[in-house]
Amino acid sequence: MAVNSTTYPLAARHGHEVIVARAQHALRSTLATVLRCIGIFIPVFFLATFATFALRAMTGVNPARLQLGESATPAEIASVESSYGLDRPFLTQYGDWLNGVLHGDLGRSWINNVEISRLIKQGLVISLTVSTLALIIGVIFGLMLGTLAAVKRTTWIDRSITGVLSVVSVMPAFVLGIVLVYVFAVAFDLLPSAGFIPFSEGFWPWLKHLLLPAIALSFMPVTNVARQLRSGLIAAYRENYVTGAIVRGLSPRRIFFRHVLRNGVGPAIAILGLEYPALIGGSVITESIFALQGLGQFANNSAQHGDVPAVQGVLVVSIILVVGFNLVVNLVLGRITPAAQRGV
């Protein structure tokens, strides 16, 4: 059958218009997600940092006392306070600090007068490496277990996976960490129990020092991702479009990947936005067990010694990391499940 010469160009233009429309829709969706992230970041940033400043002012923590001790003279105290700008009004101090943050300057430590950004960078590399590896392990095993439980729903496999996940979910990270150290480091001597080796010294030495802390942190992501994925997939299996696909004679594999997984994976991806802050918070205990000088340990030591600028610096970095990760999660969620309209 011959094709009309005027019909083909019209069809081509229509196809081009559809592609452009989809690209514009994707761009608008991405922009809306970014704006929502910024809308959350700004008030959280100001409230958290202002509260930290206010608490410091109310507690009366003083760098002069930390550096010079209780025997410092009033003149010495005044000199140290002036060097840190603490002799100025409270709002002026806060404004100066904000201006420094916008220019990448987090101030100097009250303990050793070293730049906060340099101190944070040292610990951030360790914490990000461990947290990222833990998240990867959590996502991989969470997706595997959640998918298996959903596909084998109501069977002994589903009940076994659900039971194991229920037990693991109530075990604190420090208990899991101690068990891992005893089994893999003490009993069988397979992995080191503590320390950190830079990647530059070799892939395997670097990895084997990270495995135990990463595994200890990964249990909670595994549990939550698997639970959310199982619930999402089972709910997707009950939808009318799955029934229609079965009636049309589509194979179970095609039904799962084309319809069920795409529409049921949303909750599991969304939960990752909550898992990342939990990993950052849980790193304090995990880093203590495995003797890692990461961001969690740095924040804990700084708070115990009253190093307010260091605590504020960790707070800023943590907020940026959490909001940035949530932005990535929402962008991925929007691509995989376009109908999902979720906030950051």
C-alpha atoms as a PDB file:
ATOM      1  CA  MET A   1       0.000   0.000   0.000  1.00  0.00           C
ATOM      2  CA  ALA A   2       1.432   3.361  -1.044  1.00  0.00           C
ATOM      3  CA  VAL A   3       2.142   6.037   1.522  1.00  0.00           C
ATOM      4  CA  ASN A   4       0.811   9.491   0.802  1.00  0.00           C
ATOM      5  CA  SER A   5       3.696  11.924   0.360  1.00  0.00           C
ATOM      6  CA  THR A   6       1.951  14.554   2.470  1.00  0.00           C
ATOM      7  CA  THR A   7       1.189  12.121   5.301  1.00  0.00           C
ATOM      8  CA  TYR A   8       4.782  11.137   6.126  1.00  0.00           C
ATOM      9  CA  PRO A   9       6.043  14.678   6.861  1.00  0.00           C
ATOM     10  CA  LEU A  10       3.006  15.256   9.101  1.00  0.00           C
ATOM     11  CA  ALA A  11       3.730  12.049  11.006  1.00  0.00           C
ATOM     12  CA  ALA A  12       7.401  12.992  11.353  1.00  0.00           C
ATOM     13  CA  ARG A  13       6.486  16.447  12.667  1.00  0.00           C
ATOM     14  CA  HIS A  14       4.044  14.887  15.110  1.00  0.00           C
ATOM     15  CA  GLY A  15       6.723  12.520  16.394  1.00  0.00           C
ATOM     16  CA  HIS A  16       9.156  15.408  16.809  1.00  0.00           C
ATOM     17  CA  GLU A  17       6.536  17.414  18.715  1.00  0.00           C
ATOM     18  CA  VAL A  18       5.928  14.478  21.039  1.00  0.00           C
ATOM     19  CA  ILE A  19       9.666  14.179  21.780  1.00  0.00           C
ATOM     20  CA  VAL A  20       9.937  17.922  22.434  1.00  0.00           C
ATOM     21  CA  ALA A  21       6.872  17.848  24.683  1.00  0.00           C
ATOM     22  CA  ARG A  22       8.314  14.967  26.706  1.00  0.00           C
ATOM     23  CA  ALA A  23      11.652  16.732  27.046  1.00  0.00           C
ATOM     24  CA  GLN A  24       9.933  19.911  28.224  1.00  0.00           C
ATOM     25  CA  HIS A  25       7.853  17.926  30.714  1.00  0.00           C
ATOM     26  CA  ALA A  26      10.990  16.206  32.063  1.00  0.00           C
ATOM     27  CA  LEU A  27      12.766  19.558  32.363  1.00  0.00           C
ATOM     28  CA  ARG A  28       9.832  21.115  34.220  1.00  0.00           C
ATOM     29  CA  SER A  29       9.652  18.121  36.550  1.00  0.00           C
ATOM     30  CA  THR A  30      13.389  18.289  37.275  1.00  0.00           C
ATOM     31  CA  LEU A  31      13.232  22.034  37.896  1.00  0.00           C
ATOM     32  CA  ALA A  32      10.268  21.595  40.245  1.00  0.00           C
ATOM     33  CA  THR A  33      12.173  18.944  42.223  1.00  0.00           C
ATOM     34  CA  VAL A  34      15.258  21.160  42.484  1.00  0.00           C
ATOM     35  CA  LEU A  35      13.143  24.113  43.648  1.00  0.00           C
ATOM     36  CA  ARG A  36      11.432  21.953  46.278  1.00  0.00           C
ATOM     37  CA  CYS A  37      14.878  20.884  47.509  1.00  0.00           C
ATOM     38  CA  ILE A  38      16.013  24.499  47.752  1.00  0.00           C
ATOM     39  CA  GLY A  39      12.747  25.370  49.514  1.00  0.00           C
ATOM     40  CA  ILE A  40      13.512  22.753  52.176  1.00  0.00           C
ATOM     41  CA  PHE A  41      17.230  23.509  52.409  1.00  0.00           C
ATOM     42  CA  ILE A  42      16.965  27.238  53.122  1.00  0.00           C
ATOM     43  CA  PRO A  43      14.708  27.162  56.227  1.00  0.00           C
ATOM     44  CA  VAL A  44      16.379  24.017  57.634  1.00  0.00           C
ATOM     45  CA  PHE A  45      19.814  25.562  57.164  1.00  0.00           C
ATOM     46  CA  PHE A  46      18.914  28.853  58.837  1.00  0.00           C
ATOM     47  CA  LEU A  47      16.980  27.286  61.729  1.00  0.00           C
ATOM     48  CA  ALA A  48      19.651  24.671  62.496  1.00  0.00           C
ATOM     49  CA  THR A  49      22.631  27.026  62.315  1.00  0.00           C
ATOM     50  CA  PHE A  50      20.851  29.829  64.194  1.00  0.00           C
ATOM     51  CA  ALA A  51      19.863  27.392  66.943  1.00  0.00           C
ATOM     52  CA  THR A  52      23.491  26.264  67.244  1.00  0.00           C
ATOM     53  CA  PHE A  53      24.629  29.851  67.615  1.00  0.00           C
ATOM     54  CA  ALA A  54      21.918  30.561  70.181  1.00  0.00           C
ATOM     55  CA  LEU A  55      22.844  27.493  72.244  1.00  0.00           C
ATOM     56  CA  ARG A  56      26.479  28.526  72.236  1.00  0.00           C
ATOM     57  CA  ALA A  57      25.541  31.998  73.450  1.00  0.00           C
ATOM     58  CA  MET A  58      23.314  30.600  76.216  1.00  0.00           C
ATOM     59  CA  THR A  59      25.831  28.017  77.465  1.00  0.00           C
ATOM     60  CA  GLY A  60      28.660  30.534  77.553  1.00  0.00           C
ATOM     61  CA  VAL A  61      31.216  28.237  75.902  1.00  0.00           C
ATOM     62  CA  ASN A  62      34.353  30.281  75.423  1.00  0.00           C
ATOM     63  CA  PRO A  63      37.411  29.532  73.241  1.00  0.00           C
ATOM     64  CA  ALA A  64      39.654  31.398  75.671  1.00  0.00           C
ATOM     65  CA  ARG A  65      38.785  28.961  78.462  1.00  0.00           C
ATOM     66  CA  LEU A  66      39.385  26.036  76.130  1.00  0.00           C
ATOM     67  CA  GLN A  67      42.774  27.295  74.992  1.00  0.00           C
ATOM     68  CA  LEU A  68      44.115  29.068  78.085  1.00  0.00           C
ATOM     69  CA  GLY A  69      42.414  27.224  80.933  1.00  0.00           C
ATOM     70  CA  GLU A  70      40.742  28.592  84.032  1.00  0.00           C
ATOM     71  CA  SER A  71      43.808  30.602  85.045  1.00  0.00           C
ATOM     72  CA  ALA A  72      43.508  32.989  82.069  1.00  0.00           C
ATOM     73  CA  THR A  73      43.453  36.686  82.882  1.00  0.00           C
ATOM     74  CA  PRO A  74      40.601  38.954  81.706  1.00  0.00           C
ATOM     75  CA  ALA A  75      42.964  40.633  79.234  1.00  0.00           C
ATOM     76  CA  GLU A  76      43.978  37.281  77.725  1.00  0.00           C
ATOM     77  CA  ILE A  77      40.341  36.200  77.479  1.00  0.00           C
ATOM     78  CA  ALA A  78      39.374  39.443  75.783  1.00  0.00           C
ATOM     79  CA  SER A  79      42.227  39.063  73.289  1.00  0.00           C
ATOM     80  CA  VAL A  80      41.187  35.535  72.294  1.00  0.00           C
ATOM     81  CA  GLU A  81      37.501  36.511  72.046  1.00  0.00           C
ATOM     82  CA  SER A  82      38.421  39.443  69.833  1.00  0.00           C
ATOM     83  CA  SER A  83      40.458  37.196  67.521  1.00  0.00           C
ATOM     84  CA  TYR A  84      37.363  35.040  66.947  1.00  0.00           C
ATOM     85  CA  GLY A  85      35.030  38.018  66.675  1.00  0.00           C
ATOM     86  CA  LEU A  86      33.116  37.108  69.826  1.00  0.00           C
ATOM     87  CA  ASP A  87      33.248  40.671  71.134  1.00  0.00           C
ATOM     88  CA  ARG A  88      30.707  41.751  68.501  1.00  0.00           C
ATOM     89  CA  PRO A  89      26.902  41.554  68.760  1.00  0.00           C
ATOM     90  CA  PHE A  90      25.300  38.128  68.336  1.00  0.00           C
ATOM     91  CA  LEU A  91      23.540  38.861  65.028  1.00  0.00           C
ATOM     92  CA  THR A  92      26.727  40.384  63.621  1.00  0.00           C
ATOM     93  CA  GLN A  93      28.644  37.212  64.490  1.00  0.00           C
ATOM     94  CA  TYR A  94      25.987  35.097  62.808  1.00  0.00           C
ATOM     95  CA  GLY A  95      25.996  37.293  59.716  1.00  0.00           C
ATOM     96  CA  ASP A  96      29.795  37.154  59.464  1.00  0.00           C
ATOM     97  CA  TRP A  97      29.709  33.371  59.814  1.00  0.00           C
ATOM     98  CA  LEU A  98      27.055  33.052  57.084  1.00  0.00           C
ATOM     99  CA  ASN A  99      29.118  35.230  54.786  1.00  0.00           C
ATOM    100  CA  GLY A 100      32.140  33.019  55.396  1.00  0.00           C
ATOM    101  CA  VAL A 101      30.126  29.837  54.668  1.00  0.00           C
ATOM    102  CA  LEU A 102      28.929  31.282  51.356  1.00  0.00           C
ATOM    103  CA  HIS A 103      32.586  31.799  50.451  1.00  0.00           C
ATOM    104  CA  GLY A 104      33.599  28.274  51.562  1.00  0.00           C
ATOM    105  CA  ASP A 105      35.076  29.350  54.899  1.00  0.00           C
ATOM    106  CA  LEU A 106      33.742  27.367  57.891  1.00  0.00           C
ATOM    107  CA  GLY A 107      35.981  29.148  60.375  1.00  0.00           C
ATOM    108  CA  ARG A 108      38.749  27.825  62.618  1.00  0.00           C
ATOM    109  CA  SER A 109      38.694  25.290  65.403  1.00  0.00           C
ATOM    110  CA  TRP A 110      38.605  26.622  68.950  1.00  0.00           C
ATOM    111  CA  ILE A 111      40.840  23.747  70.049  1.00  0.00           C
ATOM    112  CA  ASN A 112      43.814  23.914  67.681  1.00  0.00           C
ATOM    113  CA  ASN A 113      43.019  26.933  65.450  1.00  0.00           C
ATOM    114  CA  VAL A 114      43.059  24.726  62.321  1.00  0.00           C
ATOM    115  CA  GLU A 115      40.643  25.419  59.458  1.00  0.00           C
ATOM    116  CA  ILE A 116      37.385  23.529  60.014  1.00  0.00           C
ATOM    117  CA  SER A 117      37.018  22.722  56.320  1.00  0.00           C
ATOM    118  CA  ARG A 118      40.358  20.888  56.360  1.00  0.00           C
ATOM    119  CA  LEU A 119      39.466  18.888  59.456  1.00  0.00           C
ATOM    120  CA  ILE A 120      36.055  17.957  58.050  1.00  0.00           C
ATOM    121  CA  LYS A 121      37.524  16.929  54.711  1.00  0.00           C
ATOM    122  CA  GLN A 122      39.748  14.355  56.413  1.00  0.00           C
ATOM    123  CA  GLY A 123      36.837  12.671  58.166  1.00  0.00           C
ATOM    124  CA  LEU A 124      34.331  13.172  55.373  1.00  0.00           C
ATOM    125  CA  VAL A 125      36.274  10.942  52.972  1.00  0.00           C
ATOM    126  CA  ILE A 126      36.072   8.031  55.429  1.00  0.00           C
ATOM    127  CA  SER A 127      32.416   8.557  56.347  1.00  0.00           C
ATOM    128  CA  LEU A 128      31.239   8.979  52.763  1.00  0.00           C
ATOM    129  CA  THR A 129      33.143   5.875  51.674  1.00  0.00           C
ATOM    130  CA  VAL A 130      31.690   3.693  54.439  1.00  0.00           C
ATOM    131  CA  SER A 131      28.145   5.119  54.091  1.00  0.00           C
ATOM    132  CA  THR A 132      28.155   4.758  50.301  1.00  0.00           C
ATOM    133  CA  LEU A 133      29.349   1.161  50.487  1.00  0.00           C
ATOM    134  CA  ALA A 134      26.752   0.422  53.172  1.00  0.00           C
ATOM    135  CA  LEU A 135      24.025   1.965  51.013  1.00  0.00           C
ATOM    136  CA  ILE A 136      25.105  -0.053  47.972  1.00  0.00           C
ATOM    137  CA  ILE A 137      25.040  -3.275  50.007  1.00  0.00           C
ATOM    138  CA  GLY A 138      21.674  -2.307  51.481  1.00  0.00           C
ATOM    139  CA  VAL A 139      20.119  -1.535  48.102  1.00  0.00           C
ATOM    140  CA  ILE A 140      21.438  -4.692  46.397  1.00  0.00           C
ATOM    141  CA  PHE A 141      20.376  -7.153  49.100  1.00  0.00           C
ATOM    142  CA  GLY A 142      17.215  -5.203  49.915  1.00  0.00           C
ATOM    143  CA  LEU A 143      16.073  -5.375  46.288  1.00  0.00           C
ATOM    144  CA  MET A 144      16.932  -9.083  46.059  1.00  0.00           C
ATOM    145  CA  LEU A 145      15.144 -10.062  49.274  1.00  0.00           C
ATOM    146  CA  GLY A 146      12.151  -7.777  48.680  1.00  0.00           C
ATOM    147  CA  THR A 147      11.676  -9.063  45.153  1.00  0.00           C
ATOM    148  CA  LEU A 148      12.002 -12.699  46.206  1.00  0.00           C
ATOM    149  CA  ALA A 149       9.528 -12.227  49.071  1.00  0.00           C
ATOM    150  CA  ALA A 150       7.001 -10.542  46.762  1.00  0.00           C
ATOM    151  CA  VAL A 151       7.307 -13.098  43.974  1.00  0.00           C
ATOM    152  CA  LYS A 152       7.051 -15.971  46.488  1.00  0.00           C
ATOM    153  CA  ARG A 153       4.398 -14.227  48.615  1.00  0.00           C
ATOM    154  CA  THR A 154       2.498 -16.345  51.176  1.00  0.00           C
ATOM    155  CA  THR A 155       5.065 -19.167  50.796  1.00  0.00           C
ATOM    156  CA  TRP A 156       7.631 -20.332  53.355  1.00  0.00           C
ATOM    157  CA  ILE A 157      10.267 -18.278  51.507  1.00  0.00           C
ATOM    158  CA  ASP A 158       8.279 -15.085  52.036  1.00  0.00           C
ATOM    159  CA  ARG A 159       7.656 -15.912  55.705  1.00  0.00           C
ATOM    160  CA  SER A 160      11.324 -16.769  56.294  1.00  0.00           C
ATOM    161  CA  ILE A 161      12.587 -13.532  54.736  1.00  0.00           C
ATOM    162  CA  THR A 162      10.022 -11.473  56.646  1.00  0.00           C
ATOM    163  CA  GLY A 163      10.942 -13.175  59.920  1.00  0.00           C
ATOM    164  CA  VAL A 164      14.688 -12.678  59.495  1.00  0.00           C
ATOM    165  CA  LEU A 165      14.186  -9.029  58.562  1.00  0.00           C
ATOM    166  CA  SER A 166      12.003  -8.506  61.631  1.00  0.00           C
ATOM    167  CA  VAL A 167      14.724  -9.885  63.900  1.00  0.00           C
ATOM    168  CA  VAL A 168      17.507  -7.850  62.271  1.00  0.00           C
ATOM    169  CA  SER A 169      15.474  -4.626  62.371  1.00  0.00           C
ATOM    170  CA  VAL A 170      15.337  -4.607  66.192  1.00  0.00           C
ATOM    171  CA  MET A 171      19.074  -5.216  66.661  1.00  0.00           C
ATOM    172  CA  PRO A 172      21.126  -2.050  67.308  1.00  0.00           C
ATOM    173  CA  ALA A 173      24.005  -1.304  64.936  1.00  0.00           C
ATOM    174  CA  PHE A 174      26.614  -1.529  67.705  1.00  0.00           C
ATOM    175  CA  VAL A 175      25.465  -5.072  68.580  1.00  0.00           C
ATOM    176  CA  LEU A 176      25.746  -6.131  64.949  1.00  0.00           C
ATOM    177  CA  GLY A 177      29.152  -4.468  64.752  1.00  0.00           C
ATOM    178  CA  ILE A 178      30.452  -6.345  67.803  1.00  0.00           C
ATOM    179  CA  VAL A 179      29.120  -9.648  66.440  1.00  0.00           C
ATOM    180  CA  LEU A 180      30.790  -9.020  63.078  1.00  0.00           C
ATOM    181  CA  VAL A 181      34.108  -8.202  64.738  1.00  0.00           C
ATOM    182  CA  TYR A 182      33.984 -11.360  66.835  1.00  0.00           C
ATOM    183  CA  VAL A 183      33.048 -13.646  63.937  1.00  0.00           C
ATOM    184  CA  PHE A 184      35.111 -12.276  61.049  1.00  0.00           C
ATOM    185  CA  ALA A 185      38.056 -10.644  62.838  1.00  0.00           C
ATOM    186  CA  VAL A 186      38.542 -12.638  66.056  1.00  0.00           C
ATOM    187  CA  ALA A 187      37.156 -16.126  65.424  1.00  0.00           C
ATOM    188  CA  PHE A 188      38.127 -16.630  61.778  1.00  0.00           C
ATOM    189  CA  ASP A 189      40.646 -13.804  61.235  1.00  0.00           C
ATOM    190  CA  LEU A 190      39.271 -13.031  57.772  1.00  0.00           C
ATOM    191  CA  LEU A 191      38.997  -9.241  57.982  1.00  0.00           C
ATOM    192  CA  PRO A 192      40.665  -6.508  60.073  1.00  0.00           C
ATOM    193  CA  SER A 193      38.660  -5.286  63.041  1.00  0.00           C
ATOM    194  CA  ALA A 194      39.647  -1.622  62.879  1.00  0.00           C
ATOM    195  CA  GLY A 195      41.423   1.118  60.963  1.00  0.00           C
ATOM    196  CA  PHE A 196      41.253   2.698  57.534  1.00  0.00           C
ATOM    197  CA  ILE A 197      43.585   2.250  54.551  1.00  0.00           C
ATOM    198  CA  PRO A 198      43.547   4.835  51.712  1.00  0.00           C
ATOM    199  CA  PHE A 199      42.605   3.607  48.254  1.00  0.00           C
ATOM    200  CA  SER A 200      46.035   4.676  47.008  1.00  0.00           C
ATOM    201  CA  GLU A 201      47.591   1.781  48.973  1.00  0.00           C
ATOM    202  CA  GLY A 202      45.640  -0.848  47.043  1.00  0.00           C
ATOM    203  CA  PHE A 203      42.058  -1.832  46.331  1.00  0.00           C
ATOM    204  CA  TRP A 204      41.884  -4.948  48.485  1.00  0.00           C
ATOM    205  CA  PRO A 205      43.537  -3.446  51.618  1.00  0.00           C
ATOM    206  CA  TRP A 206      41.187  -0.469  51.232  1.00  0.00           C
ATOM    207  CA  LEU A 207      38.090  -2.643  50.771  1.00  0.00           C
ATOM    208  CA  LYS A 208      38.741  -5.191  53.502  1.00  0.00           C
ATOM    209  CA  HIS A 209      39.071  -2.426  56.109  1.00  0.00           C
ATOM    210  CA  LEU A 210      35.690  -1.014  54.998  1.00  0.00           C
ATOM    211  CA  LEU A 211      33.668  -4.226  54.719  1.00  0.00           C
ATOM    212  CA  LEU A 212      32.862  -4.822  58.382  1.00  0.00           C
ATOM    213  CA  PRO A 213      31.732  -1.255  59.228  1.00  0.00           C
ATOM    214  CA  ALA A 214      29.820  -1.030  55.946  1.00  0.00           C
ATOM    215  CA  ILE A 215      28.061  -4.350  56.556  1.00  0.00           C
ATOM    216  CA  ALA A 216      27.200  -3.275  60.118  1.00  0.00           C
ATOM    217  CA  LEU A 217      25.611  -0.094  58.766  1.00  0.00           C
ATOM    218  CA  SER A 218      23.875  -1.852  55.864  1.00  0.00           C
ATOM    219  CA  PHE A 219      21.487  -4.037  57.883  1.00  0.00           C
ATOM    220  CA  MET A 220      18.941  -1.270  58.372  1.00  0.00           C
ATOM    221  CA  PRO A 221      18.855  -0.236  54.672  1.00  0.00           C
ATOM    222  CA  VAL A 222      18.531  -3.903  53.705  1.00  0.00           C
ATOM    223  CA  THR A 223      15.572  -4.325  56.051  1.00  0.00           C
ATOM    224  CA  ASN A 224      13.732  -1.143  55.091  1.00  0.00           C
ATOM    225  CA  VAL A 225      14.309  -1.430  51.337  1.00  0.00           C
ATOM    226  CA  ALA A 226      13.209  -5.091  51.324  1.00  0.00           C
ATOM    227  CA  ARG A 227      10.047  -4.328  53.323  1.00  0.00           C
ATOM    228  CA  GLN A 228       9.061  -1.352  51.209  1.00  0.00           C
ATOM    229  CA  LEU A 229       9.779  -3.176  47.959  1.00  0.00           C
ATOM    230  CA  ARG A 230       7.789  -6.243  49.010  1.00  0.00           C
ATOM    231  CA  SER A 231       4.786  -4.097  49.947  1.00  0.00           C
ATOM    232  CA  GLY A 232       5.031  -2.051  46.741  1.00  0.00           C
ATOM    233  CA  LEU A 233       5.335  -5.084  44.473  1.00  0.00           C
ATOM    234  CA  ILE A 234       2.460  -6.949  46.140  1.00  0.00           C
ATOM    235  CA  ALA A 235       0.268  -3.852  45.807  1.00  0.00           C
ATOM    236  CA  ALA A 236       1.261  -3.544  42.132  1.00  0.00           C
ATOM    237  CA  TYR A 237       0.366  -7.200  41.498  1.00  0.00           C
ATOM    238  CA  ARG A 238      -3.190  -6.434  42.654  1.00  0.00           C
ATOM    239  CA  GLU A 239      -3.731  -3.595  40.175  1.00  0.00           C
ATOM    240  CA  ASN A 240      -6.100  -3.941  37.220  1.00  0.00           C
ATOM    241  CA  TYR A 241      -3.352  -3.374  34.629  1.00  0.00           C
ATOM    242  CA  VAL A 242      -1.583  -6.527  35.830  1.00  0.00           C
ATOM    243  CA  THR A 243      -4.808  -8.499  35.516  1.00  0.00           C
ATOM    244  CA  GLY A 244      -5.210  -7.120  31.996  1.00  0.00           C
ATOM    245  CA  ALA A 245      -1.647  -8.100  31.107  1.00  0.00           C
ATOM    246  CA  ILE A 246      -2.292 -11.647  32.313  1.00  0.00           C
ATOM    247  CA  VAL A 247      -5.479 -11.822  30.234  1.00  0.00           C
ATOM    248  CA  ARG A 248      -3.548 -10.647  27.162  1.00  0.00           C
ATOM    249  CA  GLY A 249      -1.193 -13.599  27.632  1.00  0.00           C
ATOM    250  CA  LEU A 250       1.998 -11.717  28.564  1.00  0.00           C
ATOM    251  CA  SER A 251       4.709 -13.805  30.191  1.00  0.00           C
ATOM    252  CA  PRO A 252       5.239 -13.526  33.987  1.00  0.00           C
ATOM    253  CA  ARG A 253       8.741 -12.134  33.407  1.00  0.00           C
ATOM    254  CA  ARG A 254       7.463  -9.390  31.101  1.00  0.00           C
ATOM    255  CA  ILE A 255       4.608  -8.567  33.450  1.00  0.00           C
ATOM    256  CA  PHE A 256       7.034  -8.229  36.349  1.00  0.00           C
ATOM    257  CA  PHE A 257       9.640  -6.027  34.663  1.00  0.00           C
ATOM    258  CA  ARG A 258       7.308  -3.982  32.454  1.00  0.00           C
ATOM    259  CA  HIS A 259       4.431  -3.351  34.875  1.00  0.00           C
ATOM    260  CA  VAL A 260       4.943  -4.588  38.428  1.00  0.00           C
ATOM    261  CA  LEU A 261       8.546  -3.530  39.144  1.00  0.00           C
ATOM    262  CA  ARG A 262       8.224  -0.102  37.494  1.00  0.00           C
ATOM    263  CA  ASN A 263       5.129   0.793  39.514  1.00  0.00           C
ATOM    264  CA  GLY A 264       6.055  -0.986  42.749  1.00  0.00           C
ATOM    265  CA  VAL A 265       9.657   0.128  43.246  1.00  0.00           C
ATOM    266  CA  GLY A 266       8.730   3.729  44.121  1.00  0.00           C
ATOM    267  CA  PRO A 267       8.384   3.295  47.934  1.00  0.00           C
ATOM    268  CA  ALA A 268      11.701   1.418  48.104  1.00  0.00           C
ATOM    269  CA  ILE A 269      13.498   4.242  46.292  1.00  0.00           C
ATOM    270  CA  ALA A 270      11.758   6.915  48.347  1.00  0.00           C
ATOM    271  CA  ILE A 271      12.870   5.279  51.611  1.00  0.00           C
ATOM    272  CA  LEU A 272      16.505   5.799  50.590  1.00  0.00           C
ATOM    273  CA  GLY A 273      16.034   9.517  51.242  1.00  0.00           C
ATOM    274  CA  LEU A 274      15.509   8.627  54.908  1.00  0.00           C
ATOM    275  CA  GLU A 275      18.169   5.934  55.036  1.00  0.00           C
ATOM    276  CA  TYR A 276      21.056   8.244  54.154  1.00  0.00           C
ATOM    277  CA  PRO A 277      20.588  10.572  57.169  1.00  0.00           C
ATOM    278  CA  ALA A 278      20.272   7.446  59.325  1.00  0.00           C
ATOM    279  CA  LEU A 279      23.599   6.162  57.990  1.00  0.00           C
ATOM    280  CA  ILE A 280      25.271   9.480  58.789  1.00  0.00           C
ATOM    281  CA  GLY A 281      23.833   9.438  62.316  1.00  0.00           C
ATOM    282  CA  GLY A 282      24.687   5.787  62.877  1.00  0.00           C
ATOM    283  CA  SER A 283      28.266   6.326  61.792  1.00  0.00           C
ATOM    284  CA  VAL A 284      29.129   7.813  65.211  1.00  0.00           C
ATOM    285  CA  ILE A 285      28.729   4.451  66.970  1.00  0.00           C
ATOM    286  CA  THR A 286      30.057   2.388  64.079  1.00  0.00           C
ATOM    287  CA  GLU A 287      33.188   4.512  63.744  1.00  0.00           C
ATOM    288  CA  SER A 288      33.823   4.116  67.471  1.00  0.00           C
ATOM    289  CA  ILE A 289      33.612   0.313  67.249  1.00  0.00           C
ATOM    290  CA  PHE A 290      35.883   0.077  64.206  1.00  0.00           C
ATOM    291  CA  ALA A 291      38.278   2.908  65.220  1.00  0.00           C
ATOM    292  CA  LEU A 292      37.532   5.059  62.169  1.00  0.00           C
ATOM    293  CA  GLN A 293      38.282   8.773  62.390  1.00  0.00           C
ATOM    294  CA  GLY A 294      35.334   9.779  60.244  1.00  0.00           C
ATOM    295  CA  LEU A 295      32.894  12.674  60.319  1.00  0.00           C
ATOM    296  CA  GLY A 296      30.837  11.073  63.074  1.00  0.00           C
ATOM    297  CA  GLN A 297      33.803  10.728  65.387  1.00  0.00           C
ATOM    298  CA  PHE A 298      34.956  14.255  64.561  1.00  0.00           C
ATOM    299  CA  ALA A 299      31.502  15.657  65.396  1.00  0.00           C
ATOM    300  CA  ASN A 300      31.337  13.660  68.635  1.00  0.00           C
ATOM    301  CA  ASN A 301      34.794  14.764  69.793  1.00  0.00           C
ATOM    302  CA  SER A 302      34.118  18.378  68.842  1.00  0.00           C
ATOM    303  CA  ALA A 303      30.859  18.445  70.798  1.00  0.00           C
ATOM    304  CA  GLN A 304      32.495  16.892  73.878  1.00  0.00           C
ATOM    305  CA  HIS A 305      35.284  19.494  73.827  1.00  0.00           C
ATOM    306  CA  GLY A 306      32.937  22.429  73.198  1.00  0.00           C
ATOM    307  CA  ASP A 307      34.396  23.230  69.763  1.00  0.00           C
ATOM    308  CA  VAL A 308      31.333  25.118  68.496  1.00  0.00           C
ATOM    309  CA  PRO A 309      32.717  26.155  65.057  1.00  0.00           C
ATOM    310  CA  ALA A 310      33.555  22.522  64.316  1.00  0.00           C
ATOM    311  CA  VAL A 311      30.048  21.391  65.296  1.00  0.00           C
ATOM    312  CA  GLN A 312      28.556  24.119  63.110  1.00  0.00           C
ATOM    313  CA  GLY A 313      30.759  23.044  60.205  1.00  0.00           C
ATOM    314  CA  VAL A 314      29.647  19.411  60.545  1.00  0.00           C
ATOM    315  CA  LEU A 315      26.037  20.608  60.681  1.00  0.00           C
ATOM    316  CA  VAL A 316      26.399  22.557  57.430  1.00  0.00           C
ATOM    317  CA  VAL A 317      28.048  19.646  55.618  1.00  0.00           C
ATOM    318  CA  SER A 318      25.453  17.178  56.926  1.00  0.00           C
ATOM    319  CA  ILE A 319      22.540  19.340  55.762  1.00  0.00           C
ATOM    320  CA  ILE A 320      24.081  19.716  52.304  1.00  0.00           C
ATOM    321  CA  LEU A 321      24.709  15.965  52.040  1.00  0.00           C
ATOM    322  CA  VAL A 322      21.206  14.991  53.137  1.00  0.00           C
ATOM    323  CA  VAL A 323      19.392  17.522  50.954  1.00  0.00           C
ATOM    324  CA  GLY A 324      21.633  16.731  47.983  1.00  0.00           C
ATOM    325  CA  PHE A 325      21.047  13.001  48.333  1.00  0.00           C
ATOM    326  CA  ASN A 326      17.295  13.521  48.626  1.00  0.00           C
ATOM    327  CA  LEU A 327      17.429  15.553  45.426  1.00  0.00           C
ATOM    328  CA  VAL A 328      19.114  12.655  43.611  1.00  0.00           C
ATOM    329  CA  VAL A 329      16.574  10.181  45.035  1.00  0.00           C
ATOM    330  CA  ASN A 330      13.625  12.295  43.897  1.00  0.00           C
ATOM    331  CA  LEU A 331      15.079  12.773  40.424  1.00  0.00           C
ATOM    332  CA  VAL A 332      15.577   9.014  40.066  1.00  0.00           C
ATOM    333  CA  LEU A 333      12.095   8.397  41.445  1.00  0.00           C
ATOM    334  CA  GLY A 334      10.621  10.792  38.909  1.00  0.00           C
ATOM    335  CA  ARG A 335      12.393   9.028  36.051  1.00  0.00           C
ATOM    336  CA  ILE A 336      11.433   5.511  37.099  1.00  0.00           C
ATOM    337  CA  THR A 337       7.899   6.304  38.241  1.00  0.00           C
ATOM    338  CA  PRO A 338       6.880   9.481  36.378  1.00  0.00           C
ATOM    339  CA  ALA A 339       3.508   9.626  38.089  1.00  0.00           C
ATOM    340  CA  ALA A 340       5.071   9.933  41.517  1.00  0.00           C
ATOM    341  CA  GLN A 341       4.730  13.379  42.961  1.00  0.00           C
ATOM    342  CA  ARG A 342       6.813  13.382  46.090  1.00  0.00           C
ATOM    343  CA  GLY A 343       8.459  16.107  48.113  1.00  0.00           C
ATOM    344  CA  VAL A 344      12.078  16.077  49.146  1.00  0.00           C
END
